[in-house]
Amino acid sequence: MTDYTEIFRTHLQRHQPTRWAALQTNPEGAERQLAATGREISGQVDLAQQQVLDRWAQTSTSPRSAEAATQARRVAEELVLADWLGPDERTQAETDETGAYTGWEDGQEPLFSDSRAPLAPPL
């Protein structure tokens, strides 16, 4: 089992309880599936980290350092986990057909209420 297995398990428990409950109908199969998913995520992170380091090597003259490897790992994890970890069920249910969030509580509103309004130029 990998750390990614636990990250995936925790995400399902907290943010996708329906999917988690469906997995729990067969606990032994669920454990195998979670472990396989963790290994798959780990492999994808390793590959993405190497790709990030390769790209950095093409654009930078700095040597590969432990710090660069750590930064590349974090970038790779963010990219890979964003693909694997789906949205929160509640948030997903509170979006319109365009994917815009509609679950604002009374007194709250989006930062930009009119998506057609142009953004101010940078200073």
PDB file of N, CA and C in Angstrom:
ATOM      1  N   MET A   1       0.841  -1.170   0.000  1.00  0.00           N
ATOM      2  CA  MET A   1       0.000   0.000   0.000  1.00  0.00           C
ATOM      3  C   MET A   1       0.897   1.247   0.000  1.00  0.00           C
ATOM      4  N   THR A   2       0.481   2.260  -0.734  1.00  0.00           N
ATOM      5  CA  THR A   2       1.257   3.494  -0.835  1.00  0.00           C
ATOM      6  C   THR A   2       0.548   4.638  -0.118  1.00  0.00           C
ATOM      7  N   ASP A   3       1.271   5.737   0.055  1.00  0.00           N
ATOM      8  CA  ASP A   3       0.644   6.941   0.610  1.00  0.00           C
ATOM      9  C   ASP A   3      -0.506   7.388  -0.275  1.00  0.00           C
ATOM     10  N   TYR A   4      -0.378   7.162  -1.580  1.00  0.00           N
ATOM     11  CA  TYR A   4      -1.428   7.576  -2.512  1.00  0.00           C
ATOM     12  C   TYR A   4      -2.698   6.748  -2.311  1.00  0.00           C
ATOM     13  N   THR A   5      -2.541   5.518  -1.866  1.00  0.00           N
ATOM     14  CA  THR A   5      -3.714   4.705  -1.534  1.00  0.00           C
ATOM     15  C   THR A   5      -4.496   5.380  -0.419  1.00  0.00           C
ATOM     16  N   GLU A   6      -3.787   5.827   0.597  1.00  0.00           N
ATOM     17  CA  GLU A   6      -4.454   6.492   1.725  1.00  0.00           C
ATOM     18  C   GLU A   6      -5.052   7.832   1.324  1.00  0.00           C
ATOM     19  N   ILE A   7      -4.359   8.576   0.488  1.00  0.00           N
ATOM     20  CA  ILE A   7      -4.899   9.847   0.001  1.00  0.00           C
ATOM     21  C   ILE A   7      -6.192   9.593  -0.761  1.00  0.00           C
ATOM     22  N   PHE A   8      -6.183   8.584  -1.638  1.00  0.00           N
ATOM     23  CA  PHE A   8      -7.361   8.258  -2.437  1.00  0.00           C
ATOM     24  C   PHE A   8      -8.500   7.775  -1.536  1.00  0.00           C
ATOM     25  N   ARG A   9      -8.193   6.914  -0.575  1.00  0.00           N
ATOM     26  CA  ARG A   9      -9.202   6.392   0.351  1.00  0.00           C
ATOM     27  C   ARG A   9      -9.850   7.537   1.142  1.00  0.00           C
ATOM     28  N   THR A  10      -9.020   8.400   1.701  1.00  0.00           N
ATOM     29  CA  THR A  10      -9.522   9.519   2.493  1.00  0.00           C
ATOM     30  C   THR A  10     -10.380  10.454   1.652  1.00  0.00           C
ATOM     31  N   HIS A  11      -9.947  10.696   0.423  1.00  0.00           N
ATOM     32  CA  HIS A  11     -10.735  11.556  -0.467  1.00  0.00           C
ATOM     33  C   HIS A  11     -12.118  10.956  -0.717  1.00  0.00           C
ATOM     34  N   LEU A  12     -12.157   9.682  -1.010  1.00  0.00           N
ATOM     35  CA  LEU A  12     -13.454   9.032  -1.251  1.00  0.00           C
ATOM     36  C   LEU A  12     -14.342   9.100  -0.015  1.00  0.00           C
ATOM     37  N   GLN A  13     -13.789   8.810   1.142  1.00  0.00           N
ATOM     38  CA  GLN A  13     -14.570   8.832   2.381  1.00  0.00           C
ATOM     39  C   GLN A  13     -15.142  10.219   2.662  1.00  0.00           C
ATOM     40  N   ARG A  14     -14.349  11.250   2.463  1.00  0.00           N
ATOM     41  CA  ARG A  14     -14.776  12.612   2.811  1.00  0.00           C
ATOM     42  C   ARG A  14     -15.580  13.308   1.730  1.00  0.00           C
ATOM     43  N   HIS A  15     -15.217  13.089   0.471  1.00  0.00           N
ATOM     44  CA  HIS A  15     -15.776  13.902  -0.602  1.00  0.00           C
ATOM     45  C   HIS A  15     -16.643  13.137  -1.596  1.00  0.00           C
ATOM     46  N   GLN A  16     -16.570  11.826  -1.580  1.00  0.00           N
ATOM     47  CA  GLN A  16     -17.387  11.027  -2.494  1.00  0.00           C
ATOM     48  C   GLN A  16     -17.980   9.832  -1.733  1.00  0.00           C
ATOM     49  N   PRO A  17     -18.809  10.121  -0.715  1.00  0.00           N
ATOM     50  CA  PRO A  17     -19.325   9.039   0.125  1.00  0.00           C
ATOM     51  C   PRO A  17     -20.170   8.019  -0.631  1.00  0.00           C
ATOM     52  N   THR A  18     -20.844   8.413  -1.678  1.00  0.00           N
ATOM     53  CA  THR A  18     -21.637   7.467  -2.457  1.00  0.00           C
ATOM     54  C   THR A  18     -20.727   6.449  -3.135  1.00  0.00           C
ATOM     55  N   ARG A  19     -19.659   6.938  -3.732  1.00  0.00           N
ATOM     56  CA  ARG A  19     -18.691   6.044  -4.377  1.00  0.00           C
ATOM     57  C   ARG A  19     -18.013   5.153  -3.336  1.00  0.00           C
ATOM     58  N   TRP A  20     -17.687   5.723  -2.167  1.00  0.00           N
ATOM     59  CA  TRP A  20     -17.070   4.956  -1.098  1.00  0.00           C
ATOM     60  C   TRP A  20     -18.003   3.845  -0.631  1.00  0.00           C
ATOM     61  N   ALA A  21     -19.277   4.169  -0.437  1.00  0.00           N
ATOM     62  CA  ALA A  21     -20.252   3.172   0.014  1.00  0.00           C
ATOM     63  C   ALA A  21     -20.381   2.045  -1.010  1.00  0.00           C
ATOM     64  N   ALA A  22     -20.355   2.381  -2.283  1.00  0.00           N
ATOM     65  CA  ALA A  22     -20.435   1.351  -3.322  1.00  0.00           C
ATOM     66  C   ALA A  22     -19.227   0.419  -3.265  1.00  0.00           C
ATOM     67  N   LEU A  23     -18.054   0.972  -2.989  1.00  0.00           N
ATOM     68  CA  LEU A  23     -16.854   0.134  -2.856  1.00  0.00           C
ATOM     69  C   LEU A  23     -16.956  -0.802  -1.658  1.00  0.00           C
ATOM     70  N   GLN A  24     -17.600  -0.344  -0.602  1.00  0.00           N
ATOM     71  CA  GLN A  24     -17.663  -1.120   0.628  1.00  0.00           C
ATOM     72  C   GLN A  24     -18.622  -2.304   0.555  1.00  0.00           C
ATOM     73  N   THR A  25     -19.357  -2.434  -0.533  1.00  0.00           N
ATOM     74  CA  THR A  25     -20.213  -3.615  -0.675  1.00  0.00           C
ATOM     75  C   THR A  25     -19.376  -4.880  -0.817  1.00  0.00           C
ATOM     76  N   ASN A  26     -18.125  -4.724  -1.241  1.00  0.00           N
ATOM     77  CA  ASN A  26     -17.181  -5.838  -1.341  1.00  0.00           C
ATOM     78  C   ASN A  26     -15.850  -5.363  -0.749  1.00  0.00           C
ATOM     79  N   PRO A  27     -15.708  -5.410   0.585  1.00  0.00           N
ATOM     80  CA  PRO A  27     -14.518  -4.839   1.228  1.00  0.00           C
ATOM     81  C   PRO A  27     -13.192  -5.406   0.736  1.00  0.00           C
ATOM     82  N   GLU A  28     -13.127  -6.720   0.480  1.00  0.00           N
ATOM     83  CA  GLU A  28     -11.865  -7.299   0.014  1.00  0.00           C
ATOM     84  C   GLU A  28     -11.523  -6.811  -1.383  1.00  0.00           C
ATOM     85  N   GLY A  29     -12.531  -6.751  -2.243  1.00  0.00           N
ATOM     86  CA  GLY A  29     -12.317  -6.221  -3.584  1.00  0.00           C
ATOM     87  C   GLY A  29     -11.966  -4.747  -3.543  1.00  0.00           C
ATOM     88  N   ALA A  30     -12.584  -4.025  -2.611  1.00  0.00           N
ATOM     89  CA  ALA A  30     -12.303  -2.599  -2.465  1.00  0.00           C
ATOM     90  C   ALA A  30     -10.850  -2.376  -2.078  1.00  0.00           C
ATOM     91  N   GLU A  31     -10.341  -3.170  -1.155  1.00  0.00           N
ATOM     92  CA  GLU A  31      -8.941  -3.027  -0.735  1.00  0.00           C
ATOM     93  C   GLU A  31      -7.989  -3.297  -1.897  1.00  0.00           C
ATOM     94  N   ARG A  32      -8.307  -4.325  -2.686  1.00  0.00           N
ATOM     95  CA  ARG A  32      -7.464  -4.617  -3.852  1.00  0.00           C
ATOM     96  C   ARG A  32      -7.512  -3.461  -4.845  1.00  0.00           C
ATOM     97  N   GLN A  33      -8.715  -2.932  -5.069  1.00  0.00           N
ATOM     98  CA  GLN A  33      -8.869  -1.831  -6.012  1.00  0.00           C
ATOM     99  C   GLN A  33      -8.163  -0.569  -5.504  1.00  0.00           C
ATOM    100  N   LEU A  34      -8.287  -0.282  -4.216  1.00  0.00           N
ATOM    101  CA  LEU A  34      -7.615   0.885  -3.651  1.00  0.00           C
ATOM    102  C   LEU A  34      -6.101   0.750  -3.749  1.00  0.00           C
ATOM    103  N   ALA A  35      -5.586  -0.434  -3.441  1.00  0.00           N
ATOM    104  CA  ALA A  35      -4.142  -0.669  -3.523  1.00  0.00           C
ATOM    105  C   ALA A  35      -3.654  -0.522  -4.964  1.00  0.00           C
ATOM    106  N   ALA A  36      -4.412  -1.073  -5.915  1.00  0.00           N
ATOM    107  CA  ALA A  36      -4.042  -0.956  -7.332  1.00  0.00           C
ATOM    108  C   ALA A  36      -4.078   0.501  -7.779  1.00  0.00           C
ATOM    109  N   THR A  37      -5.074   1.237  -7.316  1.00  0.00           N
ATOM    110  CA  THR A  37      -5.169   2.654  -7.663  1.00  0.00           C
ATOM    111  C   THR A  37      -3.990   3.420  -7.084  1.00  0.00           C
ATOM    112  N   GLY A  38      -3.623   3.136  -5.843  1.00  0.00           N
ATOM    113  CA  GLY A  38      -2.462   3.782  -5.228  1.00  0.00           C
ATOM    114  C   GLY A  38      -1.185   3.522  -6.003  1.00  0.00           C
ATOM    115  N   ARG A  39      -1.000   2.270  -6.457  1.00  0.00           N
ATOM    116  CA  ARG A  39       0.189   1.936  -7.253  1.00  0.00           C
ATOM    117  C   ARG A  39       0.161   2.667  -8.590  1.00  0.00           C
ATOM    118  N   GLU A  40      -1.006   2.752  -9.209  1.00  0.00           N
ATOM    119  CA  GLU A  40      -1.144   3.447 -10.494  1.00  0.00           C
ATOM    120  C   GLU A  40      -0.828   4.936 -10.332  1.00  0.00           C
ATOM    121  N   ILE A  41      -1.369   5.544  -9.286  1.00  0.00           N
ATOM    122  CA  ILE A  41      -1.085   6.961  -9.020  1.00  0.00           C
ATOM    123  C   ILE A  41       0.407   7.158  -8.795  1.00  0.00           C
ATOM    124  N   SER A  42       1.025   6.286  -8.003  1.00  0.00           N
ATOM    125  CA  SER A  42       2.454   6.377  -7.719  1.00  0.00           C
ATOM    126  C   SER A  42       3.279   6.308  -9.004  1.00  0.00           C
ATOM    127  N   GLY A  43       2.939   5.390  -9.882  1.00  0.00           N
ATOM    128  CA  GLY A  43       3.646   5.265 -11.154  1.00  0.00           C
ATOM    129  C   GLY A  43       3.481   6.499 -12.024  1.00  0.00           C
ATOM    130  N   GLN A  44       2.269   7.050 -12.041  1.00  0.00           N
ATOM    131  CA  GLN A  44       2.037   8.249 -12.835  1.00  0.00           C
ATOM    132  C   GLN A  44       2.779   9.452 -12.265  1.00  0.00           C
ATOM    133  N   VAL A  45       2.849   9.544 -10.938  1.00  0.00           N
ATOM    134  CA  VAL A  45       3.592  10.640 -10.311  1.00  0.00           C
ATOM    135  C   VAL A  45       5.081  10.509 -10.650  1.00  0.00           C
ATOM    136  N   ASP A  46       5.620   9.298 -10.577  1.00  0.00           N
ATOM    137  CA  ASP A  46       7.033   9.093 -10.921  1.00  0.00           C
ATOM    138  C   ASP A  46       7.316   9.536 -12.353  1.00  0.00           C
ATOM    139  N   LEU A  47       6.454   9.136 -13.274  1.00  0.00           N
ATOM    140  CA  LEU A  47       6.618   9.492 -14.680  1.00  0.00           C
ATOM    141  C   LEU A  47       6.503  11.007 -14.872  1.00  0.00           C
ATOM    142  N   ALA A  48       5.485  11.610 -14.266  1.00  0.00           N
ATOM    143  CA  ALA A  48       5.287  13.054 -14.398  1.00  0.00           C
ATOM    144  C   ALA A  48       6.460  13.825 -13.790  1.00  0.00           C
ATOM    145  N   GLN A  49       6.994  13.340 -12.676  1.00  0.00           N
ATOM    146  CA  GLN A  49       8.149  14.004 -12.058  1.00  0.00           C
ATOM    147  C   GLN A  49       9.327  14.000 -13.024  1.00  0.00           C
ATOM    148  N   GLN A  50       9.581  12.881 -13.648  1.00  0.00           N
ATOM    149  CA  GLN A  50      10.693  12.800 -14.591  1.00  0.00           C
ATOM    150  C   GLN A  50      10.465  13.725 -15.784  1.00  0.00           C
ATOM    151  N   GLN A  51       9.223  13.800 -16.245  1.00  0.00           N
ATOM    152  CA  GLN A  51       8.911  14.688 -17.366  1.00  0.00           C
ATOM    153  C   GLN A  51       9.116  16.151 -16.986  1.00  0.00           C
ATOM    154  N   VAL A  52       8.736  16.515 -15.766  1.00  0.00           N
ATOM    155  CA  VAL A  52       8.946  17.888 -15.290  1.00  0.00           C
ATOM    156  C   VAL A  52      10.442  18.181 -15.212  1.00  0.00           C
ATOM    157  N   LEU A  53      11.203  17.264 -14.643  1.00  0.00           N
ATOM    158  CA  LEU A  53      12.656  17.470 -14.549  1.00  0.00           C
ATOM    159  C   LEU A  53      13.294  17.577 -15.928  1.00  0.00           C
ATOM    160  N   ASP A  54      12.849  16.746 -16.866  1.00  0.00           N
ATOM    161  CA  ASP A  54      13.380  16.802 -18.231  1.00  0.00           C
ATOM    162  C   ASP A  54      13.074  18.146 -18.880  1.00  0.00           C
ATOM    163  N   ARG A  55      11.856  18.627 -18.683  1.00  0.00           N
ATOM    164  CA  ARG A  55      11.489  19.925 -19.265  1.00  0.00           C
ATOM    165  C   ARG A  55      12.319  21.036 -18.636  1.00  0.00           C
ATOM    166  N   TRP A  56      12.477  20.999 -17.326  1.00  0.00           N
ATOM    167  CA  TRP A  56      13.282  22.012 -16.657  1.00  0.00           C
ATOM    168  C   TRP A  56      14.726  21.970 -17.151  1.00  0.00           C
ATOM    169  N   ALA A  57      15.244  20.781 -17.394  1.00  0.00           N
ATOM    170  CA  ALA A  57      16.633  20.648 -17.861  1.00  0.00           C
ATOM    171  C   ALA A  57      16.800  21.289 -19.229  1.00  0.00           C
ATOM    172  N   GLN A  58      15.769  21.291 -20.048  1.00  0.00           N
ATOM    173  CA  GLN A  58      15.835  21.890 -21.384  1.00  0.00           C
ATOM    174  C   GLN A  58      15.786  23.414 -21.336  1.00  0.00           C
ATOM    175  N   THR A  59      15.210  23.960 -20.280  1.00  0.00           N
ATOM    176  CA  THR A  59      15.009  25.408 -20.221  1.00  0.00           C
ATOM    177  C   THR A  59      15.876  26.099 -19.182  1.00  0.00           C
ATOM    178  N   SER A  60      16.650  25.365 -18.448  1.00  0.00           N
ATOM    179  CA  SER A  60      17.423  25.957 -17.363  1.00  0.00           C
ATOM    180  C   SER A  60      18.858  25.466 -17.412  1.00  0.00           C
ATOM    181  N   THR A  61      19.752  26.326 -16.984  1.00  0.00           N
ATOM    182  CA  THR A  61      21.155  25.926 -16.929  1.00  0.00           C
ATOM    183  C   THR A  61      21.555  25.445 -15.542  1.00  0.00           C
ATOM    184  N   SER A  62      20.613  25.506 -14.595  1.00  0.00           N
ATOM    185  CA  SER A  62      20.953  25.085 -13.242  1.00  0.00           C
ATOM    186  C   SER A  62      21.035  23.564 -13.165  1.00  0.00           C
ATOM    187  N   PRO A  63      21.942  23.058 -12.333  1.00  0.00           N
ATOM    188  CA  PRO A  63      22.078  21.607 -12.186  1.00  0.00           C
ATOM    189  C   PRO A  63      20.866  21.024 -11.465  1.00  0.00           C
ATOM    190  N   ARG A  64      20.655  19.756 -11.667  1.00  0.00           N
ATOM    191  CA  ARG A  64      19.576  19.078 -10.957  1.00  0.00           C
ATOM    192  C   ARG A  64      19.982  18.931  -9.499  1.00  0.00           C
ATOM    193  N   SER A  65      19.200  19.487  -8.651  1.00  0.00           N
ATOM    194  CA  SER A  65      19.507  19.412  -7.228  1.00  0.00           C
ATOM    195  C   SER A  65      18.389  18.662  -6.525  1.00  0.00           C
ATOM    196  N   ALA A  66      18.624  18.360  -5.269  1.00  0.00           N
ATOM    197  CA  ALA A  66      17.586  17.698  -4.471  1.00  0.00           C
ATOM    198  C   ALA A  66      16.364  18.596  -4.365  1.00  0.00           C
ATOM    199  N   GLU A  67      16.593  19.901  -4.280  1.00  0.00           N
ATOM    200  CA  GLU A  67      15.470  20.837  -4.188  1.00  0.00           C
ATOM    201  C   GLU A  67      14.635  20.822  -5.475  1.00  0.00           C
ATOM    202  N   ALA A  68      15.299  20.761  -6.607  1.00  0.00           N
ATOM    203  CA  ALA A  68      14.580  20.697  -7.883  1.00  0.00           C
ATOM    204  C   ALA A  68      13.767  19.413  -7.969  1.00  0.00           C
ATOM    205  N   ALA A  69      14.340  18.311  -7.504  1.00  0.00           N
ATOM    206  CA  ALA A  69      13.619  17.036  -7.534  1.00  0.00           C
ATOM    207  C   ALA A  69      12.387  17.091  -6.640  1.00  0.00           C
ATOM    208  N   THR A  70      12.517  17.727  -5.480  1.00  0.00           N
ATOM    209  CA  THR A  70      11.378  17.862  -4.560  1.00  0.00           C
ATOM    210  C   THR A  70      10.297  18.729  -5.179  1.00  0.00           C
ATOM    211  N   GLN A  71      10.698  19.838  -5.785  1.00  0.00           N
ATOM    212  CA  GLN A  71       9.719  20.712  -6.430  1.00  0.00           C
ATOM    213  C   GLN A  71       9.023  20.000  -7.584  1.00  0.00           C
ATOM    214  N   ALA A  72       9.793  19.267  -8.363  1.00  0.00           N
ATOM    215  CA  ALA A  72       9.212  18.527  -9.485  1.00  0.00           C
ATOM    216  C   ALA A  72       8.230  17.476  -8.979  1.00  0.00           C
ATOM    217  N   ARG A  73       8.555  16.839  -7.863  1.00  0.00           N
ATOM    218  CA  ARG A  73       7.666  15.833  -7.276  1.00  0.00           C
ATOM    219  C   ARG A  73       6.347  16.482  -6.878  1.00  0.00           C
ATOM    220  N   ARG A  74       6.412  17.646  -6.262  1.00  0.00           N
ATOM    221  CA  ARG A  74       5.190  18.329  -5.836  1.00  0.00           C
ATOM    222  C   ARG A  74       4.333  18.738  -7.028  1.00  0.00           C
ATOM    223  N   VAL A  75       4.973  19.227  -8.077  1.00  0.00           N
ATOM    224  CA  VAL A  75       4.238  19.579  -9.294  1.00  0.00           C
ATOM    225  C   VAL A  75       3.580  18.335  -9.872  1.00  0.00           C
ATOM    226  N   ALA A  76       4.326  17.250  -9.948  1.00  0.00           N
ATOM    227  CA  ALA A  76       3.805  15.999 -10.497  1.00  0.00           C
ATOM    228  C   ALA A  76       2.630  15.479  -9.671  1.00  0.00           C
ATOM    229  N   GLU A  77       2.754  15.529  -8.354  1.00  0.00           N
ATOM    230  CA  GLU A  77       1.659  15.068  -7.496  1.00  0.00           C
ATOM    231  C   GLU A  77       0.404  15.893  -7.714  1.00  0.00           C
ATOM    232  N   GLU A  78       0.570  17.195  -7.816  1.00  0.00           N
ATOM    233  CA  GLU A  78      -0.594  18.058  -8.016  1.00  0.00           C
ATOM    234  C   GLU A  78      -1.285  17.738  -9.344  1.00  0.00           C
ATOM    235  N   LEU A  79      -0.498  17.563 -10.388  1.00  0.00           N
ATOM    236  CA  LEU A  79      -1.075  17.266 -11.697  1.00  0.00           C
ATOM    237  C   LEU A  79      -1.799  15.917 -11.710  1.00  0.00           C
ATOM    238  N   VAL A  80      -1.149  14.900 -11.178  1.00  0.00           N
ATOM    239  CA  VAL A  80      -1.711  13.549 -11.215  1.00  0.00           C
ATOM    240  C   VAL A  80      -2.922  13.435 -10.285  1.00  0.00           C
ATOM    241  N   LEU A  81      -2.789  13.947  -9.068  1.00  0.00           N
ATOM    242  CA  LEU A  81      -3.905  13.834  -8.125  1.00  0.00           C
ATOM    243  C   LEU A  81      -5.123  14.624  -8.584  1.00  0.00           C
ATOM    244  N   ALA A  82      -4.906  15.724  -9.295  1.00  0.00           N
ATOM    245  CA  ALA A  82      -6.046  16.487  -9.825  1.00  0.00           C
ATOM    246  C   ALA A  82      -6.869  15.624 -10.782  1.00  0.00           C
ATOM    247  N   ASP A  83      -6.209  14.748 -11.513  1.00  0.00           N
ATOM    248  CA  ASP A  83      -6.928  13.849 -12.420  1.00  0.00           C
ATOM    249  C   ASP A  83      -7.642  12.724 -11.670  1.00  0.00           C
ATOM    250  N   TRP A  84      -7.036  12.217 -10.617  1.00  0.00           N
ATOM    251  CA  TRP A  84      -7.586  11.062  -9.910  1.00  0.00           C
ATOM    252  C   TRP A  84      -8.656  11.413  -8.896  1.00  0.00           C
ATOM    253  N   LEU A  85      -8.522  12.562  -8.258  1.00  0.00           N
ATOM    254  CA  LEU A  85      -9.449  12.917  -7.188  1.00  0.00           C
ATOM    255  C   LEU A  85     -10.565  13.775  -7.766  1.00  0.00           C
ATOM    256  N   GLY A  86     -11.738  13.198  -7.850  1.00  0.00           N
ATOM    257  CA  GLY A  86     -12.875  13.913  -8.423  1.00  0.00           C
ATOM    258  C   GLY A  86     -13.411  14.967  -7.479  1.00  0.00           C
ATOM    259  N   PRO A  87     -14.372  15.736  -7.950  1.00  0.00           N
ATOM    260  CA  PRO A  87     -14.934  16.804  -7.122  1.00  0.00           C
ATOM    261  C   PRO A  87     -15.772  16.256  -5.977  1.00  0.00           C
ATOM    262  N   ASP A  88     -15.972  17.100  -4.999  1.00  0.00           N
ATOM    263  CA  ASP A  88     -16.852  16.784  -3.881  1.00  0.00           C
ATOM    264  C   ASP A  88     -18.266  16.579  -4.424  1.00  0.00           C
ATOM    265  N   GLU A  89     -18.954  15.557  -3.944  1.00  0.00           N
ATOM    266  CA  GLU A  89     -20.305  15.273  -4.437  1.00  0.00           C
ATOM    267  C   GLU A  89     -21.246  16.449  -4.241  1.00  0.00           C
ATOM    268  N   ARG A  90     -21.150  17.123  -3.098  1.00  0.00           N
ATOM    269  CA  ARG A  90     -22.042  18.255  -2.827  1.00  0.00           C
ATOM    270  C   ARG A  90     -21.772  19.401  -3.798  1.00  0.00           C
ATOM    271  N   THR A  91     -20.505  19.704  -4.005  1.00  0.00           N
ATOM    272  CA  THR A  91     -20.143  20.776  -4.927  1.00  0.00           C
ATOM    273  C   THR A  91     -20.565  20.424  -6.342  1.00  0.00           C
ATOM    274  N   GLN A  92     -20.350  19.187  -6.735  1.00  0.00           N
ATOM    275  CA  GLN A  92     -20.709  18.759  -8.076  1.00  0.00           C
ATOM    276  C   GLN A  92     -22.216  18.876  -8.300  1.00  0.00           C
ATOM    277  N   ALA A  93     -23.002  18.583  -7.259  1.00  0.00           N
ATOM    278  CA  ALA A  93     -24.456  18.674  -7.375  1.00  0.00           C
ATOM    279  C   ALA A  93     -24.925  20.117  -7.444  1.00  0.00           C
ATOM    280  N   GLU A  94     -24.090  21.051  -7.008  1.00  0.00           N
ATOM    281  CA  GLU A  94     -24.474  22.461  -6.980  1.00  0.00           C
ATOM    282  C   GLU A  94     -23.810  23.253  -8.104  1.00  0.00           C
ATOM    283  N   THR A  95     -23.779  22.679  -9.288  1.00  0.00           N
ATOM    284  CA  THR A  95     -23.262  23.377 -10.456  1.00  0.00           C
ATOM    285  C   THR A  95     -24.307  23.362 -11.550  1.00  0.00           C
ATOM    286  N   ASP A  96     -24.240  24.361 -12.412  1.00  0.00           N
ATOM    287  CA  ASP A  96     -25.188  24.405 -13.519  1.00  0.00           C
ATOM    288  C   ASP A  96     -24.608  23.666 -14.717  1.00  0.00           C
ATOM    289  N   GLU A  97     -25.295  23.759 -15.845  1.00  0.00           N
ATOM    290  CA  GLU A  97     -24.877  23.007 -17.026  1.00  0.00           C
ATOM    291  C   GLU A  97     -23.528  23.457 -17.573  1.00  0.00           C
ATOM    292  N   THR A  98     -23.088  24.645 -17.212  1.00  0.00           N
ATOM    293  CA  THR A  98     -21.778  25.125 -17.672  1.00  0.00           C
ATOM    294  C   THR A  98     -20.655  24.763 -16.705  1.00  0.00           C
ATOM    295  N   GLY A  99     -21.019  24.210 -15.541  1.00  0.00           N
ATOM    296  CA  GLY A  99     -20.029  23.865 -14.534  1.00  0.00           C
ATOM    297  C   GLY A  99     -19.813  24.956 -13.505  1.00  0.00           C
ATOM    298  N   ALA A 100     -20.567  26.056 -13.614  1.00  0.00           N
ATOM    299  CA  ALA A 100     -20.438  27.152 -12.649  1.00  0.00           C
ATOM    300  C   ALA A 100     -21.114  26.770 -11.345  1.00  0.00           C
ATOM    301  N   TYR A 101     -20.504  27.116 -10.238  1.00  0.00           N
ATOM    302  CA  TYR A 101     -21.038  26.805  -8.907  1.00  0.00           C
ATOM    303  C   TYR A 101     -22.292  27.628  -8.643  1.00  0.00           C
ATOM    304  N   THR A 102     -23.335  26.975  -8.144  1.00  0.00           N
ATOM    305  CA  THR A 102     -24.602  27.660  -7.878  1.00  0.00           C
ATOM    306  C   THR A 102     -25.023  27.545  -6.424  1.00  0.00           C
ATOM    307  N   GLY A 103     -24.194  26.996  -5.565  1.00  0.00           N
ATOM    308  CA  GLY A 103     -24.571  26.728  -4.183  1.00  0.00           C
ATOM    309  C   GLY A 103     -24.284  27.849  -3.218  1.00  0.00           C
ATOM    310  N   TRP A 104     -24.350  29.079  -3.673  1.00  0.00           N
ATOM    311  CA  TRP A 104     -24.083  30.204  -2.779  1.00  0.00           C
ATOM    312  C   TRP A 104     -25.136  30.283  -1.698  1.00  0.00           C
ATOM    313  N   GLU A 105     -24.705  30.523  -0.471  1.00  0.00           N
ATOM    314  CA  GLU A 105     -25.629  30.711   0.637  1.00  0.00           C
ATOM    315  C   GLU A 105     -26.094  32.162   0.651  1.00  0.00           C
ATOM    316  N   ASP A 106     -27.187  32.445   1.361  1.00  0.00           N
ATOM    317  CA  ASP A 106     -27.679  33.812   1.466  1.00  0.00           C
ATOM    318  C   ASP A 106     -26.573  34.726   1.968  1.00  0.00           C
ATOM    319  N   GLY A 107     -26.413  35.866   1.327  1.00  0.00           N
ATOM    320  CA  GLY A 107     -25.401  36.828   1.727  1.00  0.00           C
ATOM    321  C   GLY A 107     -24.057  36.601   1.068  1.00  0.00           C
ATOM    322  N   GLN A 108     -23.906  35.499   0.339  1.00  0.00           N
ATOM    323  CA  GLN A 108     -22.662  35.227  -0.367  1.00  0.00           C
ATOM    324  C   GLN A 108     -22.895  35.439  -1.852  1.00  0.00           C
ATOM    325  N   GLU A 109     -21.857  35.744  -2.542  1.00  0.00           N
ATOM    326  CA  GLU A 109     -21.934  35.854  -3.986  1.00  0.00           C
ATOM    327  C   GLU A 109     -20.552  35.599  -4.553  1.00  0.00           C
ATOM    328  N   PRO A 110     -20.476  35.271  -5.828  1.00  0.00           N
ATOM    329  CA  PRO A 110     -19.156  35.056  -6.421  1.00  0.00           C
ATOM    330  C   PRO A 110     -18.348  36.345  -6.435  1.00  0.00           C
ATOM    331  N   LEU A 111     -17.046  36.198  -6.468  1.00  0.00           N
ATOM    332  CA  LEU A 111     -16.168  37.359  -6.518  1.00  0.00           C
ATOM    333  C   LEU A 111     -16.465  38.200  -7.760  1.00  0.00           C
ATOM    334  N   PHE A 112     -16.664  37.524  -8.893  1.00  0.00           N
ATOM    335  CA  PHE A 112     -17.034  38.193 -10.135  1.00  0.00           C
ATOM    336  C   PHE A 112     -18.427  37.713 -10.494  1.00  0.00           C
ATOM    337  N   SER A 113     -19.418  38.573 -10.355  1.00  0.00           N
ATOM    338  CA  SER A 113     -20.798  38.146 -10.580  1.00  0.00           C
ATOM    339  C   SER A 113     -21.159  38.096 -12.053  1.00  0.00           C
ATOM    340  N   ASP A 114     -20.424  38.782 -12.909  1.00  0.00           N
ATOM    341  CA  ASP A 114     -20.723  38.759 -14.335  1.00  0.00           C
ATOM    342  C   ASP A 114     -19.500  38.237 -15.074  1.00  0.00           C
ATOM    343  N   SER A 115     -19.596  36.995 -15.524  1.00  0.00           N
ATOM    344  CA  SER A 115     -18.442  36.370 -16.166  1.00  0.00           C
ATOM    345  C   SER A 115     -18.103  37.027 -17.499  1.00  0.00           C
ATOM    346  N   ARG A 116     -19.012  37.830 -18.043  1.00  0.00           N
ATOM    347  CA  ARG A 116     -18.741  38.507 -19.315  1.00  0.00           C
ATOM    348  C   ARG A 116     -17.988  39.817 -19.122  1.00  0.00           C
ATOM    349  N   ALA A 117     -17.890  40.292 -17.878  1.00  0.00           N
ATOM    350  CA  ALA A 117     -17.196  41.556 -17.614  1.00  0.00           C
ATOM    351  C   ALA A 117     -15.714  41.373 -17.856  1.00  0.00           C
ATOM    352  N   PRO A 118     -15.089  42.331 -18.557  1.00  0.00           N
ATOM    353  CA  PRO A 118     -13.641  42.191 -18.801  1.00  0.00           C
ATOM    354  C   PRO A 118     -12.854  42.358 -17.515  1.00  0.00           C
ATOM    355  N   LEU A 119     -11.755  41.677 -17.453  1.00  0.00           N
ATOM    356  CA  LEU A 119     -10.862  41.813 -16.312  1.00  0.00           C
ATOM    357  C   LEU A 119     -10.052  43.086 -16.458  1.00  0.00           C
ATOM    358  N   ALA A 120      -9.736  43.697 -15.352  1.00  0.00           N
ATOM    359  CA  ALA A 120      -8.912  44.902 -15.386  1.00  0.00           C
ATOM    360  C   ALA A 120      -7.518  44.530 -15.824  1.00  0.00           C
ATOM    361  N   PRO A 121      -6.866  45.410 -16.585  1.00  0.00           N
ATOM    362  CA  PRO A 121      -5.493  45.103 -17.006  1.00  0.00           C
ATOM    363  C   PRO A 121      -4.569  45.095 -15.809  1.00  0.00           C
ATOM    364  N   PRO A 122      -3.502  44.312 -15.868  1.00  0.00           N
ATOM    365  CA  PRO A 122      -2.568  44.279 -14.735  1.00  0.00           C
ATOM    366  C   PRO A 122      -1.903  45.629 -14.565  1.00  0.00           C
ATOM    367  N   LEU A 123      -1.568  45.927 -13.328  1.00  0.00           N
ATOM    368  CA  LEU A 123      -0.909  47.215 -13.028  1.00  0.00           C
ATOM    369  C   LEU A 123       0.544  47.166 -13.367  1.00  0.00           C
TER     370      LEU A 123
END
